[in-house]
Each structure stands twice: as C-alpha cells, then as structure tokens.
Amino acid sequence: MSDNEESKLSIREIALRGTIIAVIITVPSIMSFVITWKILDNLLYAAILGVIIHFIAMGFSLKISKKILVKK
C-alpha cells in the first residue's frame, strides 16, 4: 500500500495505545521492584531485578505494539 492509501491514526488513538504500551512496560518492573524490596529488604537487589524485568517487558512490548498499533 502506498502512503496515500494507508489509513492514519488520530492523535487520540496514538496517545491511548502509547499509554497502554507504557503501562505494559512499567507496571511489571515497578511491582517486581517493590515486592523484592519488601521481601529481601535490599535496595540494590530490588533495583537490579527491576531493571531486568523492565528490559524483558520492553522486549514483549515490541511484539504487542506491532499487534495493537496496526489499524485494520
């Protein structure tokens, strides 16, 4: 399809879908950080685990964004 034939997303749709992706990325990393910090009572371990979970969530969000950002 050429650029003229593609249907465009509105600003509201882009913002909504971007917010969904942001929630998918941030919520697991923040929750793993808080839970690890409360259980182990070690800020460094909690931060390391939060960063690891954050990058894993970013990998999944790429696949998810390809599915939800495409307008049918």
PDB file of N, CA and C in Angstrom:
ATOM      1  N   MET A   1       0.833  -1.178   0.000  1.00  0.00           N
ATOM      2  CA  MET A   1       0.000   0.000   0.000  1.00  0.00           C
ATOM      3  C   MET A   1       0.881   1.245   0.000  1.00  0.00           C
ATOM      4  N   SER A   2       0.482   2.245  -0.728  1.00  0.00           N
ATOM      5  CA  SER A   2       1.241   3.488  -0.749  1.00  0.00           C
ATOM      6  C   SER A   2       0.840   4.361   0.430  1.00  0.00           C
ATOM      7  N   ASP A   3       1.575   5.444   0.628  1.00  0.00           N
ATOM      8  CA  ASP A   3       1.286   6.344   1.742  1.00  0.00           C
ATOM      9  C   ASP A   3      -0.083   6.989   1.618  1.00  0.00           C
ATOM     10  N   ASN A   4      -0.534   7.214   0.408  1.00  0.00           N
ATOM     11  CA  ASN A   4      -1.826   7.868   0.211  1.00  0.00           C
ATOM     12  C   ASN A   4      -2.983   6.948   0.570  1.00  0.00           C
ATOM     13  N   GLU A   5      -2.807   5.643   0.435  1.00  0.00           N
ATOM     14  CA  GLU A   5      -3.891   4.700   0.674  1.00  0.00           C
ATOM     15  C   GLU A   5      -3.953   4.230   2.121  1.00  0.00           C
ATOM     16  N   GLU A   6      -2.869   4.421   2.902  1.00  0.00           N
ATOM     17  CA  GLU A   6      -2.875   3.962   4.285  1.00  0.00           C
ATOM     18  C   GLU A   6      -3.808   4.813   5.126  1.00  0.00           C
ATOM     19  N   SER A   7      -4.503   4.171   6.044  1.00  0.00           N
ATOM     20  CA  SER A   7      -5.351   4.923   6.959  1.00  0.00           C
ATOM     21  C   SER A   7      -4.489   5.392   8.126  1.00  0.00           C
ATOM     22  N   LYS A   8      -4.669   6.622   8.521  1.00  0.00           N
ATOM     23  CA  LYS A   8      -3.856   7.235   9.561  1.00  0.00           C
ATOM     24  C   LYS A   8      -4.550   7.112  10.909  1.00  0.00           C
ATOM     25  N   LEU A   9      -3.751   7.013  11.968  1.00  0.00           N
ATOM     26  CA  LEU A   9      -4.280   7.009  13.324  1.00  0.00           C
ATOM     27  C   LEU A   9      -4.433   8.441  13.802  1.00  0.00           C
ATOM     28  N   SER A  10      -5.478   8.687  14.568  1.00  0.00           N
ATOM     29  CA  SER A  10      -5.662  10.024  15.128  1.00  0.00           C
ATOM     30  C   SER A  10      -4.725  10.197  16.325  1.00  0.00           C
ATOM     31  N   ILE A  11      -4.553  11.425  16.761  1.00  0.00           N
ATOM     32  CA  ILE A  11      -3.696  11.726  17.904  1.00  0.00           C
ATOM     33  C   ILE A  11      -4.220  11.038  19.155  1.00  0.00           C
ATOM     34  N   ARG A  12      -5.522  10.995  19.305  1.00  0.00           N
ATOM     35  CA  ARG A  12      -6.130  10.347  20.482  1.00  0.00           C
ATOM     36  C   ARG A  12      -5.837   8.847  20.492  1.00  0.00           C
ATOM     37  N   GLU A  13      -5.938   8.201  19.339  1.00  0.00           N
ATOM     38  CA  GLU A  13      -5.645   6.766  19.252  1.00  0.00           C
ATOM     39  C   GLU A  13      -4.179   6.485  19.536  1.00  0.00           C
ATOM     40  N   ILE A  14      -3.291   7.331  19.034  1.00  0.00           N
ATOM     41  CA  ILE A  14      -1.863   7.156  19.286  1.00  0.00           C
ATOM     42  C   ILE A  14      -1.564   7.312  20.772  1.00  0.00           C
ATOM     43  N   ALA A  15      -2.152   8.322  21.416  1.00  0.00           N
ATOM     44  CA  ALA A  15      -1.932   8.546  22.841  1.00  0.00           C
ATOM     45  C   ALA A  15      -2.471   7.385  23.677  1.00  0.00           C
ATOM     46  N   LEU A  16      -3.642   6.886  23.316  1.00  0.00           N
ATOM     47  CA  LEU A  16      -4.241   5.768  24.056  1.00  0.00           C
ATOM     48  C   LEU A  16      -3.386   4.515  23.929  1.00  0.00           C
ATOM     49  N   ARG A  17      -2.962   4.193  22.738  1.00  0.00           N
ATOM     50  CA  ARG A  17      -2.158   2.996  22.524  1.00  0.00           C
ATOM     51  C   ARG A  17      -0.770   3.153  23.129  1.00  0.00           C
ATOM     52  N   GLY A  18      -0.219   4.356  23.103  1.00  0.00           N
ATOM     53  CA  GLY A  18       1.064   4.610  23.752  1.00  0.00           C
ATOM     54  C   GLY A  18       0.980   4.451  25.260  1.00  0.00           C
ATOM     55  N   THR A  19      -0.141   4.872  25.831  1.00  0.00           N
ATOM     56  CA  THR A  19      -0.349   4.710  27.265  1.00  0.00           C
ATOM     57  C   THR A  19      -0.455   3.238  27.635  1.00  0.00           C
ATOM     58  N   ILE A  20      -1.125   2.461  26.817  1.00  0.00           N
ATOM     59  CA  ILE A  20      -1.238   1.019  27.072  1.00  0.00           C
ATOM     60  C   ILE A  20       0.139   0.369  27.051  1.00  0.00           C
ATOM     61  N   ILE A  21       0.968   0.726  26.075  1.00  0.00           N
ATOM     62  CA  ILE A  21       2.317   0.170  25.994  1.00  0.00           C
ATOM     63  C   ILE A  21       3.143   0.605  27.203  1.00  0.00           C
ATOM     64  N   ALA A  22       3.001   1.861  27.626  1.00  0.00           N
ATOM     65  CA  ALA A  22       3.739   2.347  28.793  1.00  0.00           C
ATOM     66  C   ALA A  22       3.355   1.588  30.055  1.00  0.00           C
ATOM     67  N   VAL A  23       2.083   1.286  30.209  1.00  0.00           N
ATOM     68  CA  VAL A  23       1.631   0.518  31.368  1.00  0.00           C
ATOM     69  C   VAL A  23       2.182  -0.901  31.316  1.00  0.00           C
ATOM     70  N   ILE A  24       2.195  -1.492  30.133  1.00  0.00           N
ATOM     71  CA  ILE A  24       2.729  -2.847  29.976  1.00  0.00           C
ATOM     72  C   ILE A  24       4.207  -2.889  30.347  1.00  0.00           C
ATOM     73  N   ILE A  25       4.936  -1.830  30.058  1.00  0.00           N
ATOM     74  CA  ILE A  25       6.368  -1.798  30.364  1.00  0.00           C
ATOM     75  C   ILE A  25       6.624  -1.502  31.839  1.00  0.00           C
ATOM     76  N   THR A  26       5.935  -0.518  32.410  1.00  0.00           N
ATOM     77  CA  THR A  26       6.306  -0.038  33.738  1.00  0.00           C
ATOM     78  C   THR A  26       5.724  -0.832  34.903  1.00  0.00           C
ATOM     79  N   VAL A  27       4.505  -1.289  34.790  1.00  0.00           N
ATOM     80  CA  VAL A  27       3.863  -1.948  35.928  1.00  0.00           C
ATOM     81  C   VAL A  27       4.617  -3.207  36.381  1.00  0.00           C
ATOM     82  N   PRO A  28       5.016  -4.111  35.492  1.00  0.00           N
ATOM     83  CA  PRO A  28       5.752  -5.288  35.982  1.00  0.00           C
ATOM     84  C   PRO A  28       7.086  -4.940  36.645  1.00  0.00           C
ATOM     85  N   SER A  29       7.803  -3.964  36.103  1.00  0.00           N
ATOM     86  CA  SER A  29       9.098  -3.631  36.689  1.00  0.00           C
ATOM     87  C   SER A  29       8.934  -2.951  38.044  1.00  0.00           C
ATOM     88  N   ILE A  30       7.948  -2.078  38.184  1.00  0.00           N
ATOM     89  CA  ILE A  30       7.726  -1.428  39.483  1.00  0.00           C
ATOM     90  C   ILE A  30       7.240  -2.429  40.515  1.00  0.00           C
ATOM     91  N   MET A  31       6.340  -3.306  40.113  1.00  0.00           N
ATOM     92  CA  MET A  31       5.840  -4.304  41.066  1.00  0.00           C
ATOM     93  C   MET A  31       6.937  -5.262  41.507  1.00  0.00           C
ATOM     94  N   SER A  32       7.775  -5.706  40.569  1.00  0.00           N
ATOM     95  CA  SER A  32       8.868  -6.604  40.960  1.00  0.00           C
ATOM     96  C   SER A  32       9.855  -5.890  41.866  1.00  0.00           C
ATOM     97  N   PHE A  33      10.107  -4.602  41.619  1.00  0.00           N
ATOM     98  CA  PHE A  33      10.995  -3.818  42.479  1.00  0.00           C
ATOM     99  C   PHE A  33      10.445  -3.726  43.898  1.00  0.00           C
ATOM    100  N   VAL A  34       9.181  -3.349  44.024  1.00  0.00           N
ATOM    101  CA  VAL A  34       8.580  -3.168  45.342  1.00  0.00           C
ATOM    102  C   VAL A  34       8.499  -4.482  46.102  1.00  0.00           C
ATOM    103  N   ILE A  35       8.066  -5.539  45.436  1.00  0.00           N
ATOM    104  CA  ILE A  35       7.934  -6.836  46.103  1.00  0.00           C
ATOM    105  C   ILE A  35       9.299  -7.359  46.546  1.00  0.00           C
ATOM    106  N   THR A  36      10.302  -7.248  45.677  1.00  0.00           N
ATOM    107  CA  THR A  36      11.640  -7.705  46.035  1.00  0.00           C
ATOM    108  C   THR A  36      12.215  -6.878  47.172  1.00  0.00           C
ATOM    109  N   TRP A  37      11.967  -5.585  47.162  1.00  0.00           N
ATOM    110  CA  TRP A  37      12.481  -4.720  48.218  1.00  0.00           C
ATOM    111  C   TRP A  37      11.841  -5.057  49.557  1.00  0.00           C
ATOM    112  N   LYS A  38      10.543  -5.355  49.555  1.00  0.00           N
ATOM    113  CA  LYS A  38       9.856  -5.688  50.802  1.00  0.00           C
ATOM    114  C   LYS A  38      10.274  -7.070  51.323  1.00  0.00           C
ATOM    115  N   ILE A  39      10.460  -8.032  50.417  1.00  0.00           N
ATOM    116  CA  ILE A  39      10.800  -9.384  50.849  1.00  0.00           C
ATOM    117  C   ILE A  39      12.255  -9.477  51.294  1.00  0.00           C
ATOM    118  N   LEU A  40      13.177  -8.983  50.458  1.00  0.00           N
ATOM    119  CA  LEU A  40      14.602  -9.124  50.754  1.00  0.00           C
ATOM    120  C   LEU A  40      15.159  -7.972  51.587  1.00  0.00           C
ATOM    121  N   ASP A  41      14.475  -6.850  51.635  1.00  0.00           N
ATOM    122  CA  ASP A  41      14.915  -5.657  52.347  1.00  0.00           C
ATOM    123  C   ASP A  41      16.304  -5.207  51.882  1.00  0.00           C
ATOM    124  N   ASN A  42      16.524  -5.318  50.570  1.00  0.00           N
ATOM    125  CA  ASN A  42      17.794  -4.905  49.982  1.00  0.00           C
ATOM    126  C   ASN A  42      17.484  -4.088  48.726  1.00  0.00           C
ATOM    127  N   LEU A  43      17.833  -2.815  48.774  1.00  0.00           N
ATOM    128  CA  LEU A  43      17.509  -1.904  47.688  1.00  0.00           C
ATOM    129  C   LEU A  43      18.272  -2.228  46.412  1.00  0.00           C
ATOM    130  N   LEU A  44      19.520  -2.644  46.532  1.00  0.00           N
ATOM    131  CA  LEU A  44      20.335  -2.937  45.358  1.00  0.00           C
ATOM    132  C   LEU A  44      19.793  -4.147  44.590  1.00  0.00           C
ATOM    133  N   TYR A  45      19.475  -5.225  45.284  1.00  0.00           N
ATOM    134  CA  TYR A  45      18.906  -6.399  44.618  1.00  0.00           C
ATOM    135  C   TYR A  45      17.567  -6.073  43.956  1.00  0.00           C
ATOM    136  N   ALA A  46      16.765  -5.278  44.637  1.00  0.00           N
ATOM    137  CA  ALA A  46      15.470  -4.897  44.090  1.00  0.00           C
ATOM    138  C   ALA A  46      15.635  -4.060  42.826  1.00  0.00           C
ATOM    139  N   ALA A  47      16.596  -3.144  42.827  1.00  0.00           N
ATOM    140  CA  ALA A  47      16.825  -2.304  41.650  1.00  0.00           C
ATOM    141  C   ALA A  47      17.328  -3.137  40.473  1.00  0.00           C
ATOM    142  N   ILE A  48      18.225  -4.060  40.730  1.00  0.00           N
ATOM    143  CA  ILE A  48      18.754  -4.918  39.659  1.00  0.00           C
ATOM    144  C   ILE A  48      17.636  -5.764  39.062  1.00  0.00           C
ATOM    145  N   LEU A  49      16.820  -6.368  39.911  1.00  0.00           N
ATOM    146  CA  LEU A  49      15.717  -7.183  39.410  1.00  0.00           C
ATOM    147  C   LEU A  49      14.698  -6.329  38.658  1.00  0.00           C
ATOM    148  N   GLY A  50      14.432  -5.119  39.143  1.00  0.00           N
ATOM    149  CA  GLY A  50      13.508  -4.226  38.458  1.00  0.00           C
ATOM    150  C   GLY A  50      13.994  -3.860  37.065  1.00  0.00           C
ATOM    151  N   VAL A  51      15.302  -3.620  36.928  1.00  0.00           N
ATOM    152  CA  VAL A  51      15.872  -3.294  35.613  1.00  0.00           C
ATOM    153  C   VAL A  51      15.780  -4.488  34.673  1.00  0.00           C
ATOM    154  N   ILE A  52      16.071  -5.675  35.172  1.00  0.00           N
ATOM    155  CA  ILE A  52      15.988  -6.883  34.343  1.00  0.00           C
ATOM    156  C   ILE A  52      14.559  -7.100  33.853  1.00  0.00           C
ATOM    157  N   ILE A  53      13.600  -6.991  34.762  1.00  0.00           N
ATOM    158  CA  ILE A  53      12.192  -7.163  34.391  1.00  0.00           C
ATOM    159  C   ILE A  53      11.764  -6.071  33.414  1.00  0.00           C
ATOM    160  N   HIS A  54      12.289  -4.869  33.586  1.00  0.00           N
ATOM    161  CA  HIS A  54      11.941  -3.764  32.694  1.00  0.00           C
ATOM    162  C   HIS A  54      12.380  -4.060  31.260  1.00  0.00           C
ATOM    163  N   PHE A  55      13.601  -4.576  31.083  1.00  0.00           N
ATOM    164  CA  PHE A  55      14.074  -4.871  29.736  1.00  0.00           C
ATOM    165  C   PHE A  55      13.344  -6.066  29.122  1.00  0.00           C
ATOM    166  N   ILE A  56      12.958  -7.022  29.934  1.00  0.00           N
ATOM    167  CA  ILE A  56      12.151  -8.139  29.430  1.00  0.00           C
ATOM    168  C   ILE A  56      10.787  -7.619  28.965  1.00  0.00           C
ATOM    169  N   ALA A  57      10.189  -6.730  29.749  1.00  0.00           N
ATOM    170  CA  ALA A  57       8.887  -6.154  29.370  1.00  0.00           C
ATOM    171  C   ALA A  57       9.001  -5.318  28.108  1.00  0.00           C
ATOM    172  N   MET A  58      10.125  -4.633  27.925  1.00  0.00           N
ATOM    173  CA  MET A  58      10.316  -3.857  26.697  1.00  0.00           C
ATOM    174  C   MET A  58      10.377  -4.773  25.478  1.00  0.00           C
ATOM    175  N   GLY A  59      10.979  -5.949  25.626  1.00  0.00           N
ATOM    176  CA  GLY A  59      11.014  -6.913  24.534  1.00  0.00           C
ATOM    177  C   GLY A  59       9.629  -7.405  24.160  1.00  0.00           C
ATOM    178  N   PHE A  60       8.800  -7.679  25.168  1.00  0.00           N
ATOM    179  CA  PHE A  60       7.440  -8.110  24.893  1.00  0.00           C
ATOM    180  C   PHE A  60       6.588  -6.981  24.341  1.00  0.00           C
ATOM    181  N   SER A  61       6.846  -5.760  24.788  1.00  0.00           N
ATOM    182  CA  SER A  61       6.023  -4.643  24.320  1.00  0.00           C
ATOM    183  C   SER A  61       6.243  -4.368  22.837  1.00  0.00           C
ATOM    184  N   LEU A  62       7.412  -4.685  22.321  1.00  0.00           N
ATOM    185  CA  LEU A  62       7.646  -4.523  20.886  1.00  0.00           C
ATOM    186  C   LEU A  62       6.716  -5.422  20.086  1.00  0.00           C
ATOM    187  N   LYS A  63       6.582  -6.657  20.528  1.00  0.00           N
ATOM    188  CA  LYS A  63       5.682  -7.588  19.839  1.00  0.00           C
ATOM    189  C   LYS A  63       4.223  -7.176  20.011  1.00  0.00           C
ATOM    190  N   ILE A  64       3.868  -6.726  21.204  1.00  0.00           N
ATOM    191  CA  ILE A  64       2.496  -6.319  21.469  1.00  0.00           C
ATOM    192  C   ILE A  64       2.151  -5.060  20.688  1.00  0.00           C
ATOM    193  N   SER A  65       3.088  -4.121  20.612  1.00  0.00           N
ATOM    194  CA  SER A  65       2.807  -2.867  19.912  1.00  0.00           C
ATOM    195  C   SER A  65       2.597  -3.085  18.424  1.00  0.00           C
ATOM    196  N   LYS A  66       3.274  -4.060  17.864  1.00  0.00           N
ATOM    197  CA  LYS A  66       3.053  -4.354  16.443  1.00  0.00           C
ATOM    198  C   LYS A  66       1.634  -4.848  16.203  1.00  0.00           C
ATOM    199  N   LYS A  67       1.058  -5.499  17.210  1.00  0.00           N
ATOM    200  CA  LYS A  67      -0.304  -6.014  17.054  1.00  0.00           C
ATOM    201  C   LYS A  67      -1.361  -4.947  17.309  1.00  0.00           C
ATOM    202  N   ILE A  68      -1.163  -4.090  18.336  1.00  0.00           N
ATOM    203  CA  ILE A  68      -2.229  -3.139  18.680  1.00  0.00           C
ATOM    204  C   ILE A  68      -2.106  -1.817  17.950  1.00  0.00           C
ATOM    205  N   LEU A  69      -0.933  -1.489  17.415  1.00  0.00           N
ATOM    206  CA  LEU A  69      -0.778  -0.208  16.740  1.00  0.00           C
ATOM    207  C   LEU A  69      -1.179  -0.252  15.276  1.00  0.00           C
ATOM    208  N   VAL A  70      -1.402  -1.432  14.729  1.00  0.00           N
ATOM    209  CA  VAL A  70      -1.804  -1.539  13.348  1.00  0.00           C
ATOM    210  C   VAL A  70      -3.311  -1.324  13.260  1.00  0.00           C
ATOM    211  N   LYS A  71      -3.698  -0.367  12.450  1.00  0.00           N
ATOM    212  CA  LYS A  71      -5.127  -0.093  12.276  1.00  0.00           C
ATOM    213  C   LYS A  71      -5.650  -0.943  11.125  1.00  0.00           C
ATOM    214  N   LYS A  72      -6.716  -1.667  11.401  1.00  0.00           N
ATOM    215  CA  LYS A  72      -7.277  -2.572  10.400  1.00  0.00           C
ATOM    216  C   LYS A  72      -8.422  -1.928   9.670  1.00  0.00           C
TER     217      LYS A  72
END
